[in-house]
Amino acid sequence: MSISRLTPAYETSLGKCYLGDALELLKKVKDNSISLVLTSPPFALRRQKAYGNVDAASYVDWILPFAWEIQRILKPDGSFVMDLAGAWNPKKGTRSLFQYELILKLCQRFHLAQEFYWYNPSKLPTPAEWVTIRRTRVKDAVNMVWWLSKTEEPQADNRRVLKPYSKSMLRLLRDGYDTATRPSQHEIGPNFQKDNGGAIPPNMLSIPNCRSADSYIKRCRQEGLTIHPARFPEPLPEFFVQFLTSPGDTVLDPFSGSNMTGAVSQKLGRKWISFEINEEYVESSQMRFEENPKTGAGLGIKNLMKKKKPA
């Protein structure tokens, strides 16, 4: 049975959220049908989290079956973007190499288009044993975000994610400059002064993740719903959805959690599909789409899940 024949937990004008095991649901998605798979799977943590996770030693074998299904369903110009935190070896102040082992395996069927670094300045100082007690390591505040593609020419356009020019660049565009060869032996020619509408962003994304009272959390608390403990900050999926897709394309998140990927895709005019195995998280993720009764703003949710009554 294809995914289109299944009943979603809820849906909007552009997307559908399904409750169930991501691997089984991925198997029901058509070949070559998805433009972008954007997700943050459960991390390789030593301590078990409520949303479920495996340790670094088991991680590669656990996630590869998901990845091979993702490779199958991507369009030829599609991309797979995965946010992964690093891991530490148990009882040691050294890093696990599981991410690099994983990427080498993934590149048997994918191309590594580019690696990104998500710097979260609001991260707590971890691991505490080595950072705050022994003081022999510094705060681990960067996640790897791997951009993999099905072919060597994925859809992408950095003009969709330009940043505002710096003050110095604005002065240069206004006043001009002398063409010359820099000490680095780079030649700065007259084309450097061309106004391209903004600066091309680097592959270092500085995005705090510290919102503890956004509308999703407020509504979950009001309704007595379970708040997902690991939520995407909106600018992160927004960057990749804009960069790697066009309006009308389909974005899929197989580990959707609070479904920020779906909400961002909806806002940007992309179709979306989300999978989540935890019913409580599916129920609370609806808060990202509901209409604001005061402003009328909202993302058009329909067919809401019925709230479970306490036993």
C-alpha atoms as a PDB file:
ATOM      1  CA  MET A   1       0.000   0.000   0.000  1.00  0.00           C
ATOM      2  CA  SER A   2       1.397   3.414  -0.968  1.00  0.00           C
ATOM      3  CA  ILE A   3       1.667   6.283   1.500  1.00  0.00           C
ATOM      4  CA  SER A   4      -1.114   8.162  -0.305  1.00  0.00           C
ATOM      5  CA  ARG A   5      -3.613   5.466   0.686  1.00  0.00           C
ATOM      6  CA  LEU A   6      -2.828   5.707   4.402  1.00  0.00           C
ATOM      7  CA  THR A   7      -4.827   7.932   6.722  1.00  0.00           C
ATOM      8  CA  PRO A   8      -2.686  10.714   8.193  1.00  0.00           C
ATOM      9  CA  ALA A   9      -2.867  11.712  11.843  1.00  0.00           C
ATOM     10  CA  TYR A  10      -3.548  15.239  10.596  1.00  0.00           C
ATOM     11  CA  GLU A  11      -3.091  17.239   7.424  1.00  0.00           C
ATOM     12  CA  THR A  12      -2.989  20.753   6.005  1.00  0.00           C
ATOM     13  CA  SER A  13      -3.491  22.178   2.533  1.00  0.00           C
ATOM     14  CA  LEU A  14       0.096  21.195   1.666  1.00  0.00           C
ATOM     15  CA  GLY A  15       1.125  18.368   3.931  1.00  0.00           C
ATOM     16  CA  LYS A  16       0.353  15.274   5.967  1.00  0.00           C
ATOM     17  CA  CYS A  17       1.687  13.925   9.237  1.00  0.00           C
ATOM     18  CA  TYR A  18       1.676  10.163   9.751  1.00  0.00           C
ATOM     19  CA  LEU A  19       1.920   8.288  13.036  1.00  0.00           C
ATOM     20  CA  GLY A  20       4.077   5.206  12.763  1.00  0.00           C
ATOM     21  CA  ASP A  21       7.498   3.640  12.373  1.00  0.00           C
ATOM     22  CA  ALA A  22       9.576   5.730   9.958  1.00  0.00           C
ATOM     23  CA  LEU A  23      11.267   2.777   8.267  1.00  0.00           C
ATOM     24  CA  GLU A  24       7.977   1.060   7.475  1.00  0.00           C
ATOM     25  CA  LEU A  25       6.425   4.322   6.274  1.00  0.00           C
ATOM     26  CA  LEU A  26       9.443   5.153   4.083  1.00  0.00           C
ATOM     27  CA  LYS A  27       8.942   1.840   2.286  1.00  0.00           C
ATOM     28  CA  LYS A  28       5.515   3.062   1.170  1.00  0.00           C
ATOM     29  CA  VAL A  29       6.817   6.266  -0.484  1.00  0.00           C
ATOM     30  CA  LYS A  30       7.161   6.192  -4.276  1.00  0.00           C
ATOM     31  CA  ASP A  31      10.567   6.029  -5.953  1.00  0.00           C
ATOM     32  CA  ASN A  32      12.027   9.361  -7.148  1.00  0.00           C
ATOM     33  CA  SER A  33       9.238  11.446  -5.612  1.00  0.00           C
ATOM     34  CA  ILE A  34      10.847  13.610  -2.896  1.00  0.00           C
ATOM     35  CA  SER A  35      12.926  16.752  -3.449  1.00  0.00           C
ATOM     36  CA  LEU A  36      14.378  17.049   0.051  1.00  0.00           C
ATOM     37  CA  VAL A  37      14.611  14.805   3.091  1.00  0.00           C
ATOM     38  CA  LEU A  38      15.485  17.070   5.998  1.00  0.00           C
ATOM     39  CA  THR A  39      15.727  15.569   9.446  1.00  0.00           C
ATOM     40  CA  SER A  40      17.435  15.329  12.791  1.00  0.00           C
ATOM     41  CA  PRO A  41      17.345  11.649  13.771  1.00  0.00           C
ATOM     42  CA  PRO A  42      17.724  10.575  17.402  1.00  0.00           C
ATOM     43  CA  PHE A  43      21.334  11.296  18.354  1.00  0.00           C
ATOM     44  CA  ALA A  44      23.937   8.742  19.435  1.00  0.00           C
ATOM     45  CA  LEU A  45      23.765   9.528  23.146  1.00  0.00           C
ATOM     46  CA  ARG A  46      24.909   7.402  26.066  1.00  0.00           C
ATOM     47  CA  ARG A  47      21.847   8.339  28.098  1.00  0.00           C
ATOM     48  CA  GLN A  48      18.451   7.238  26.875  1.00  0.00           C
ATOM     49  CA  LYS A  49      16.055  10.022  25.928  1.00  0.00           C
ATOM     50  CA  ALA A  50      12.269   9.895  25.932  1.00  0.00           C
ATOM     51  CA  TYR A  51      12.178  10.023  22.128  1.00  0.00           C
ATOM     52  CA  GLY A  52      14.398   6.928  21.803  1.00  0.00           C
ATOM     53  CA  ASN A  53      18.022   6.655  20.735  1.00  0.00           C
ATOM     54  CA  VAL A  54      20.875   4.198  20.301  1.00  0.00           C
ATOM     55  CA  ASP A  55      24.507   4.606  21.312  1.00  0.00           C
ATOM     56  CA  ALA A  56      27.404   5.427  18.987  1.00  0.00           C
ATOM     57  CA  ALA A  57      28.561   1.801  18.754  1.00  0.00           C
ATOM     58  CA  SER A  58      25.222   0.742  17.244  1.00  0.00           C
ATOM     59  CA  TYR A  59      24.340   3.910  15.367  1.00  0.00           C
ATOM     60  CA  VAL A  60      25.687   3.190  11.876  1.00  0.00           C
ATOM     61  CA  ASP A  61      23.956  -0.181  11.595  1.00  0.00           C
ATOM     62  CA  TRP A  62      20.745   1.319  12.983  1.00  0.00           C
ATOM     63  CA  ILE A  63      20.436   4.268  10.611  1.00  0.00           C
ATOM     64  CA  LEU A  64      21.641   2.762   7.316  1.00  0.00           C
ATOM     65  CA  PRO A  65      18.317   1.027   6.478  1.00  0.00           C
ATOM     66  CA  PHE A  66      16.580   4.420   6.753  1.00  0.00           C
ATOM     67  CA  ALA A  67      19.218   6.029   4.538  1.00  0.00           C
ATOM     68  CA  TRP A  68      18.880   3.449   1.762  1.00  0.00           C
ATOM     69  CA  GLU A  69      15.115   4.010   1.642  1.00  0.00           C
ATOM     70  CA  ILE A  70      15.732   7.770   1.527  1.00  0.00           C
ATOM     71  CA  GLN A  71      18.115   7.331  -1.413  1.00  0.00           C
ATOM     72  CA  ARG A  72      15.424   5.390  -3.262  1.00  0.00           C
ATOM     73  CA  ILE A  73      12.652   7.958  -2.801  1.00  0.00           C
ATOM     74  CA  LEU A  74      14.718  11.055  -3.671  1.00  0.00           C
ATOM     75  CA  LYS A  75      14.319  12.619  -7.085  1.00  0.00           C
ATOM     76  CA  PRO A  76      17.486  12.542  -9.226  1.00  0.00           C
ATOM     77  CA  ASP A  77      18.191  16.161  -8.198  1.00  0.00           C
ATOM     78  CA  GLY A  78      17.047  15.595  -4.601  1.00  0.00           C
ATOM     79  CA  SER A  79      18.973  16.091  -1.364  1.00  0.00           C
ATOM     80  CA  PHE A  80      19.227  14.422   2.027  1.00  0.00           C
ATOM     81  CA  VAL A  81      20.137  16.828   4.850  1.00  0.00           C
ATOM     82  CA  MET A  82      20.824  15.313   8.259  1.00  0.00           C
ATOM     83  CA  ASP A  83      21.626  17.126  11.502  1.00  0.00           C
ATOM     84  CA  LEU A  84      23.830  15.006  13.769  1.00  0.00           C
ATOM     85  CA  ALA A  85      25.520  15.803  17.052  1.00  0.00           C
ATOM     86  CA  GLY A  86      28.850  14.235  17.844  1.00  0.00           C
ATOM     87  CA  ALA A  87      29.413  11.679  20.602  1.00  0.00           C
ATOM     88  CA  TRP A  88      32.088  10.975  23.183  1.00  0.00           C
ATOM     89  CA  ASN A  89      33.621   7.605  23.908  1.00  0.00           C
ATOM     90  CA  PRO A  90      32.289   6.164  27.198  1.00  0.00           C
ATOM     91  CA  LYS A  91      34.301   7.293  30.241  1.00  0.00           C
ATOM     92  CA  LYS A  92      36.901   8.926  27.997  1.00  0.00           C
ATOM     93  CA  GLY A  93      37.582  12.480  26.934  1.00  0.00           C
ATOM     94  CA  THR A  94      37.885  11.439  23.303  1.00  0.00           C
ATOM     95  CA  ARG A  95      35.438  11.645  20.441  1.00  0.00           C
ATOM     96  CA  SER A  96      33.627   8.795  18.763  1.00  0.00           C
ATOM     97  CA  LEU A  97      34.282   8.461  15.035  1.00  0.00           C
ATOM     98  CA  PHE A  98      30.822   7.093  14.286  1.00  0.00           C
ATOM     99  CA  GLN A  99      29.831  10.096  12.122  1.00  0.00           C
ATOM    100  CA  TYR A 100      32.808   9.627   9.825  1.00  0.00           C
ATOM    101  CA  GLU A 101      32.224   5.891   9.621  1.00  0.00           C
ATOM    102  CA  LEU A 102      28.605   6.647   8.739  1.00  0.00           C
ATOM    103  CA  ILE A 103      29.458   9.176   6.034  1.00  0.00           C
ATOM    104  CA  LEU A 104      31.899   6.778   4.373  1.00  0.00           C
ATOM    105  CA  LYS A 105      29.149   4.151   4.260  1.00  0.00           C
ATOM    106  CA  LEU A 106      26.530   6.631   3.013  1.00  0.00           C
ATOM    107  CA  CYS A 107      28.790   7.791   0.200  1.00  0.00           C
ATOM    108  CA  GLN A 108      28.627   4.327  -1.303  1.00  0.00           C
ATOM    109  CA  ARG A 109      25.212   5.410  -2.635  1.00  0.00           C
ATOM    110  CA  PHE A 110      25.092   9.180  -2.061  1.00  0.00           C
ATOM    111  CA  HIS A 111      27.348  12.072  -2.998  1.00  0.00           C
ATOM    112  CA  LEU A 112      28.624  14.362  -0.252  1.00  0.00           C
ATOM    113  CA  ALA A 113      27.523  17.730  -1.641  1.00  0.00           C
ATOM    114  CA  GLN A 114      28.805  19.748   1.314  1.00  0.00           C
ATOM    115  CA  GLU A 115      29.142  19.604   5.073  1.00  0.00           C
ATOM    116  CA  PHE A 116      27.654  22.345   7.228  1.00  0.00           C
ATOM    117  CA  TYR A 117      28.418  23.286  10.814  1.00  0.00           C
ATOM    118  CA  TRP A 118      25.564  24.424  13.023  1.00  0.00           C
ATOM    119  CA  TYR A 119      26.943  26.544  15.848  1.00  0.00           C
ATOM    120  CA  ASN A 120      24.473  26.869  18.706  1.00  0.00           C
ATOM    121  CA  PRO A 121      25.861  29.529  21.077  1.00  0.00           C
ATOM    122  CA  SER A 122      23.204  28.700  23.682  1.00  0.00           C
ATOM    123  CA  LYS A 123      24.302  25.081  24.167  1.00  0.00           C
ATOM    124  CA  LEU A 124      25.086  24.034  27.718  1.00  0.00           C
ATOM    125  CA  PRO A 125      28.720  23.161  28.564  1.00  0.00           C
ATOM    126  CA  THR A 126      28.960  19.438  27.883  1.00  0.00           C
ATOM    127  CA  PRO A 127      30.302  16.870  28.534  1.00  0.00           C
ATOM    128  CA  ALA A 128      30.303  18.105  32.135  1.00  0.00           C
ATOM    129  CA  GLU A 129      32.972  15.659  33.325  1.00  0.00           C
ATOM    130  CA  TRP A 130      35.564  17.083  30.961  1.00  0.00           C
ATOM    131  CA  VAL A 131      34.341  20.666  30.481  1.00  0.00           C
ATOM    132  CA  THR A 132      33.166  21.895  33.888  1.00  0.00           C
ATOM    133  CA  ILE A 133      34.786  19.450  36.347  1.00  0.00           C
ATOM    134  CA  ARG A 134      38.194  18.514  34.958  1.00  0.00           C
ATOM    135  CA  ARG A 135      38.280  21.618  32.717  1.00  0.00           C
ATOM    136  CA  THR A 136      40.304  19.784  30.052  1.00  0.00           C
ATOM    137  CA  ARG A 137      37.886  20.282  27.138  1.00  0.00           C
ATOM    138  CA  VAL A 138      35.845  23.197  25.822  1.00  0.00           C
ATOM    139  CA  LYS A 139      32.101  23.379  25.286  1.00  0.00           C
ATOM    140  CA  ASP A 140      30.835  21.167  22.479  1.00  0.00           C
ATOM    141  CA  ALA A 141      28.588  23.654  20.639  1.00  0.00           C
ATOM    142  CA  VAL A 142      28.662  22.532  17.000  1.00  0.00           C
ATOM    143  CA  ASN A 143      26.554  19.926  15.212  1.00  0.00           C
ATOM    144  CA  MET A 144      27.450  18.512  11.835  1.00  0.00           C
ATOM    145  CA  VAL A 145      24.765  18.968   9.206  1.00  0.00           C
ATOM    146  CA  TRP A 146      25.507  16.654   6.309  1.00  0.00           C
ATOM    147  CA  TRP A 147      24.190  17.573   2.864  1.00  0.00           C
ATOM    148  CA  LEU A 148      24.065  14.445   0.713  1.00  0.00           C
ATOM    149  CA  SER A 149      22.716  14.253  -2.822  1.00  0.00           C
ATOM    150  CA  LYS A 150      21.475  11.466  -5.056  1.00  0.00           C
ATOM    151  CA  THR A 151      23.490  12.721  -8.044  1.00  0.00           C
ATOM    152  CA  GLU A 152      26.347  15.164  -8.517  1.00  0.00           C
ATOM    153  CA  GLU A 153      23.960  17.946  -9.596  1.00  0.00           C
ATOM    154  CA  PRO A 154      21.324  18.436  -6.881  1.00  0.00           C
ATOM    155  CA  GLN A 155      18.854  21.284  -7.093  1.00  0.00           C
ATOM    156  CA  ALA A 156      20.326  24.251  -5.182  1.00  0.00           C
ATOM    157  CA  ASP A 157      20.441  28.031  -5.528  1.00  0.00           C
ATOM    158  CA  ASN A 158      22.363  30.137  -3.015  1.00  0.00           C
ATOM    159  CA  ARG A 159      20.656  33.291  -4.325  1.00  0.00           C
ATOM    160  CA  ARG A 160      17.625  32.168  -2.308  1.00  0.00           C
ATOM    161  CA  VAL A 161      19.567  32.357   0.981  1.00  0.00           C
ATOM    162  CA  LEU A 162      21.660  35.509   0.592  1.00  0.00           C
ATOM    163  CA  LYS A 163      22.563  37.420   3.755  1.00  0.00           C
ATOM    164  CA  PRO A 164      22.585  41.213   4.200  1.00  0.00           C
ATOM    165  CA  TYR A 165      25.888  42.817   3.237  1.00  0.00           C
ATOM    166  CA  SER A 166      28.247  43.879   6.021  1.00  0.00           C
ATOM    167  CA  LYS A 167      28.799  47.598   6.636  1.00  0.00           C
ATOM    168  CA  SER A 168      32.261  47.396   5.068  1.00  0.00           C
ATOM    169  CA  MET A 169      30.876  45.722   1.930  1.00  0.00           C
ATOM    170  CA  LEU A 170      28.170  48.359   1.656  1.00  0.00           C
ATOM    171  CA  ARG A 171      30.862  51.059   1.833  1.00  0.00           C
ATOM    172  CA  LEU A 172      32.877  49.256  -0.827  1.00  0.00           C
ATOM    173  CA  LEU A 173      29.849  49.076  -3.138  1.00  0.00           C
ATOM    174  CA  ARG A 174      29.176  52.764  -2.549  1.00  0.00           C
ATOM    175  CA  ASP A 175      32.706  54.177  -2.750  1.00  0.00           C
ATOM    176  CA  GLY A 176      34.502  51.678  -4.965  1.00  0.00           C
ATOM    177  CA  TYR A 177      38.021  50.300  -4.467  1.00  0.00           C
ATOM    178  CA  ASP A 178      41.313  49.865  -6.271  1.00  0.00           C
ATOM    179  CA  THR A 179      41.751  46.580  -8.104  1.00  0.00           C
ATOM    180  CA  ALA A 180      44.905  44.853  -6.947  1.00  0.00           C
ATOM    181  CA  THR A 181      46.560  41.577  -6.053  1.00  0.00           C
ATOM    182  CA  ARG A 182      46.213  40.895  -2.357  1.00  0.00           C
ATOM    183  CA  PRO A 183      49.068  39.529  -0.156  1.00  0.00           C
ATOM    184  CA  SER A 184      47.338  36.151  -0.447  1.00  0.00           C
ATOM    185  CA  GLN A 185      47.916  36.461  -4.244  1.00  0.00           C
ATOM    186  CA  HIS A 186      44.159  36.607  -4.888  1.00  0.00           C
ATOM    187  CA  GLU A 187      43.339  39.079  -7.625  1.00  0.00           C
ATOM    188  CA  ILE A 188      40.425  41.342  -6.729  1.00  0.00           C
ATOM    189  CA  GLY A 189      38.998  42.562 -10.022  1.00  0.00           C
ATOM    190  CA  PRO A 190      36.249  45.017 -10.938  1.00  0.00           C
ATOM    191  CA  ASN A 191      33.520  42.353 -10.811  1.00  0.00           C
ATOM    192  CA  PHE A 192      34.005  42.169  -7.054  1.00  0.00           C
ATOM    193  CA  GLN A 193      32.155  45.474  -6.786  1.00  0.00           C
ATOM    194  CA  LYS A 194      29.011  44.106  -8.414  1.00  0.00           C
ATOM    195  CA  ASP A 195      25.919  44.260  -6.206  1.00  0.00           C
ATOM    196  CA  ASN A 196      24.470  40.735  -6.183  1.00  0.00           C
ATOM    197  CA  GLY A 197      21.688  41.553  -3.747  1.00  0.00           C
ATOM    198  CA  GLY A 198      23.418  40.141  -0.683  1.00  0.00           C
ATOM    199  CA  ALA A 199      26.333  38.107   0.631  1.00  0.00           C
ATOM    200  CA  ILE A 200      26.677  34.401  -0.061  1.00  0.00           C
ATOM    201  CA  PRO A 201      26.365  32.625   3.306  1.00  0.00           C
ATOM    202  CA  PRO A 202      29.128  30.372   4.630  1.00  0.00           C
ATOM    203  CA  ASN A 203      28.674  26.741   5.601  1.00  0.00           C
ATOM    204  CA  MET A 204      28.872  27.780   9.262  1.00  0.00           C
ATOM    205  CA  LEU A 205      25.329  28.467  10.465  1.00  0.00           C
ATOM    206  CA  SER A 206      25.186  30.376  13.743  1.00  0.00           C
ATOM    207  CA  ILE A 207      21.661  29.773  15.062  1.00  0.00           C
ATOM    208  CA  PRO A 208      20.762  29.842  18.767  1.00  0.00           C
ATOM    209  CA  ASN A 209      18.339  27.204  19.971  1.00  0.00           C
ATOM    210  CA  CYS A 210      17.088  28.689  23.204  1.00  0.00           C
ATOM    211  CA  ARG A 211      13.416  29.530  22.668  1.00  0.00           C
ATOM    212  CA  SER A 212      11.652  28.267  25.766  1.00  0.00           C
ATOM    213  CA  ALA A 213       8.380  30.150  25.399  1.00  0.00           C
ATOM    214  CA  ASP A 214       7.400  30.145  21.720  1.00  0.00           C
ATOM    215  CA  SER A 215       3.802  29.624  20.600  1.00  0.00           C
ATOM    216  CA  TYR A 216       4.267  25.838  20.286  1.00  0.00           C
ATOM    217  CA  ILE A 217       5.411  25.506  23.895  1.00  0.00           C
ATOM    218  CA  LYS A 218       2.775  27.902  25.211  1.00  0.00           C
ATOM    219  CA  ARG A 219      -0.051  26.052  23.457  1.00  0.00           C
ATOM    220  CA  CYS A 220       1.250  22.644  24.540  1.00  0.00           C
ATOM    221  CA  ARG A 221       1.254  23.825  28.142  1.00  0.00           C
ATOM    222  CA  GLN A 222      -2.238  25.274  27.809  1.00  0.00           C
ATOM    223  CA  GLU A 223      -3.569  22.010  26.363  1.00  0.00           C
ATOM    224  CA  GLY A 224      -1.602  19.723  28.662  1.00  0.00           C
ATOM    225  CA  LEU A 225       0.309  18.184  25.733  1.00  0.00           C
ATOM    226  CA  THR A 226       3.774  16.636  25.782  1.00  0.00           C
ATOM    227  CA  ILE A 227       6.499  19.023  24.566  1.00  0.00           C
ATOM    228  CA  HIS A 228       9.185  17.462  22.400  1.00  0.00           C
ATOM    229  CA  PRO A 229      12.555  17.945  24.168  1.00  0.00           C
ATOM    230  CA  ALA A 230      14.705  18.368  21.031  1.00  0.00           C
ATOM    231  CA  ARG A 231      13.237  20.897  18.611  1.00  0.00           C
ATOM    232  CA  PHE A 232      14.677  22.455  15.452  1.00  0.00           C
ATOM    233  CA  PRO A 233      15.091  26.242  15.667  1.00  0.00           C
ATOM    234  CA  GLU A 234      13.041  27.618  12.776  1.00  0.00           C
ATOM    235  CA  PRO A 235      15.952  29.275  10.862  1.00  0.00           C
ATOM    236  CA  LEU A 236      17.738  25.934  10.409  1.00  0.00           C
ATOM    237  CA  PRO A 237      15.128  24.078   8.304  1.00  0.00           C
ATOM    238  CA  GLU A 238      14.173  27.399   6.723  1.00  0.00           C
ATOM    239  CA  PHE A 239      17.702  27.773   5.313  1.00  0.00           C
ATOM    240  CA  PHE A 240      17.785  24.327   3.697  1.00  0.00           C
ATOM    241  CA  VAL A 241      14.195  24.361   2.425  1.00  0.00           C
ATOM    242  CA  GLN A 242      14.850  27.674   0.675  1.00  0.00           C
ATOM    243  CA  PHE A 243      18.307  26.681  -0.556  1.00  0.00           C
ATOM    244  CA  LEU A 244      17.485  23.213  -1.898  1.00  0.00           C
ATOM    245  CA  THR A 245      13.849  23.317  -3.045  1.00  0.00           C
ATOM    246  CA  SER A 246      11.404  25.405  -5.054  1.00  0.00           C
ATOM    247  CA  PRO A 247       7.758  26.204  -4.244  1.00  0.00           C
ATOM    248  CA  GLY A 248       5.621  23.148  -4.904  1.00  0.00           C
ATOM    249  CA  ASP A 249       8.420  20.640  -4.201  1.00  0.00           C
ATOM    250  CA  THR A 250       7.936  17.983  -1.521  1.00  0.00           C
ATOM    251  CA  VAL A 251       9.954  17.915   1.723  1.00  0.00           C
ATOM    252  CA  LEU A 252       9.942  14.845   3.979  1.00  0.00           C
ATOM    253  CA  ASP A 253      11.046  14.492   7.608  1.00  0.00           C
ATOM    254  CA  PRO A 254      11.070  10.860   8.817  1.00  0.00           C
ATOM    255  CA  PHE A 255      11.860  11.810  12.454  1.00  0.00           C
ATOM    256  CA  SER A 256       9.663  14.865  12.683  1.00  0.00           C
ATOM    257  CA  GLY A 257       9.316  15.332  16.449  1.00  0.00           C
ATOM    258  CA  SER A 258       7.525  18.666  16.896  1.00  0.00           C
ATOM    259  CA  ASN A 259       7.265  18.941  13.080  1.00  0.00           C
ATOM    260  CA  MET A 260       9.118  22.221  12.635  1.00  0.00           C
ATOM    261  CA  THR A 261      10.199  20.969   9.195  1.00  0.00           C
ATOM    262  CA  GLY A 262       6.571  20.604   8.135  1.00  0.00           C
ATOM    263  CA  ALA A 263       5.599  24.004   9.529  1.00  0.00           C
ATOM    264  CA  VAL A 264       8.476  25.751   7.744  1.00  0.00           C
ATOM    265  CA  SER A 265       7.706  23.920   4.493  1.00  0.00           C
ATOM    266  CA  GLN A 266       4.059  24.936   4.735  1.00  0.00           C
ATOM    267  CA  LYS A 267       4.995  28.575   5.337  1.00  0.00           C
ATOM    268  CA  LEU A 268       7.337  28.552   2.333  1.00  0.00           C
ATOM    269  CA  GLY A 269       4.818  26.974  -0.046  1.00  0.00           C
ATOM    270  CA  ARG A 270       6.329  23.488  -0.195  1.00  0.00           C
ATOM    271  CA  LYS A 271       4.432  20.238   0.105  1.00  0.00           C
ATOM    272  CA  TRP A 272       5.489  18.186   3.100  1.00  0.00           C
ATOM    273  CA  ILE A 273       5.279  14.722   4.651  1.00  0.00           C
ATOM    274  CA  SER A 274       6.256  13.928   8.217  1.00  0.00           C
ATOM    275  CA  PHE A 275       6.599  10.677  10.150  1.00  0.00           C
ATOM    276  CA  GLU A 276       6.681  10.346  13.926  1.00  0.00           C
ATOM    277  CA  ILE A 277       6.481   7.161  15.983  1.00  0.00           C
ATOM    278  CA  ASN A 278       5.433   8.791  19.265  1.00  0.00           C
ATOM    279  CA  GLU A 279       1.720   9.542  19.408  1.00  0.00           C
ATOM    280  CA  GLU A 280       2.111  12.222  22.080  1.00  0.00           C
ATOM    281  CA  TYR A 281       4.584  14.150  19.920  1.00  0.00           C
ATOM    282  CA  VAL A 282       2.287  13.879  16.906  1.00  0.00           C
ATOM    283  CA  GLU A 283      -0.575  15.249  18.960  1.00  0.00           C
ATOM    284  CA  SER A 284       1.430  18.195  20.292  1.00  0.00           C
ATOM    285  CA  SER A 285       2.995  18.980  16.888  1.00  0.00           C
ATOM    286  CA  GLN A 286      -0.438  20.101  15.710  1.00  0.00           C
ATOM    287  CA  MET A 287       0.119  23.252  17.758  1.00  0.00           C
ATOM    288  CA  ARG A 288       2.549  24.431  15.077  1.00  0.00           C
ATOM    289  CA  PHE A 289      -0.293  24.673  12.566  1.00  0.00           C
ATOM    290  CA  GLU A 290      -3.387  25.792  14.426  1.00  0.00           C
ATOM    291  CA  GLU A 291      -5.019  29.108  13.678  1.00  0.00           C
ATOM    292  CA  ASN A 292      -4.448  31.978  16.094  1.00  0.00           C
ATOM    293  CA  PRO A 293      -7.937  32.965  17.303  1.00  0.00           C
ATOM    294  CA  LYS A 294      -6.874  36.595  17.822  1.00  0.00           C
ATOM    295  CA  THR A 295      -5.102  37.255  14.515  1.00  0.00           C
ATOM    296  CA  GLY A 296      -6.575  34.568  12.262  1.00  0.00           C
ATOM    297  CA  ALA A 297      -3.020  33.627  11.289  1.00  0.00           C
ATOM    298  CA  GLY A 298      -2.267  29.955  10.917  1.00  0.00           C
ATOM    299  CA  LEU A 299      -1.114  27.239   8.574  1.00  0.00           C
ATOM    300  CA  GLY A 300      -4.457  25.661   7.776  1.00  0.00           C
ATOM    301  CA  ILE A 301      -4.576  22.461   9.810  1.00  0.00           C
ATOM    302  CA  LYS A 302      -7.504  20.122   9.303  1.00  0.00           C
ATOM    303  CA  ASN A 303      -8.531  16.664  10.472  1.00  0.00           C
ATOM    304  CA  LEU A 304      -7.008  17.156  13.903  1.00  0.00           C
ATOM    305  CA  MET A 305      -6.221  14.174  16.081  1.00  0.00           C
ATOM    306  CA  LYS A 306      -8.644  13.833  18.932  1.00  0.00           C
ATOM    307  CA  LYS A 307      -7.011  14.571  22.256  1.00  0.00           C
ATOM    308  CA  LYS A 308      -6.678  11.434  24.328  1.00  0.00           C
ATOM    309  CA  LYS A 309      -8.624  11.481  27.568  1.00  0.00           C
ATOM    310  CA  PRO A 310      -6.681  10.721  30.756  1.00  0.00           C
ATOM    311  CA  ALA A 311      -7.166   7.156  31.981  1.00  0.00           C
END
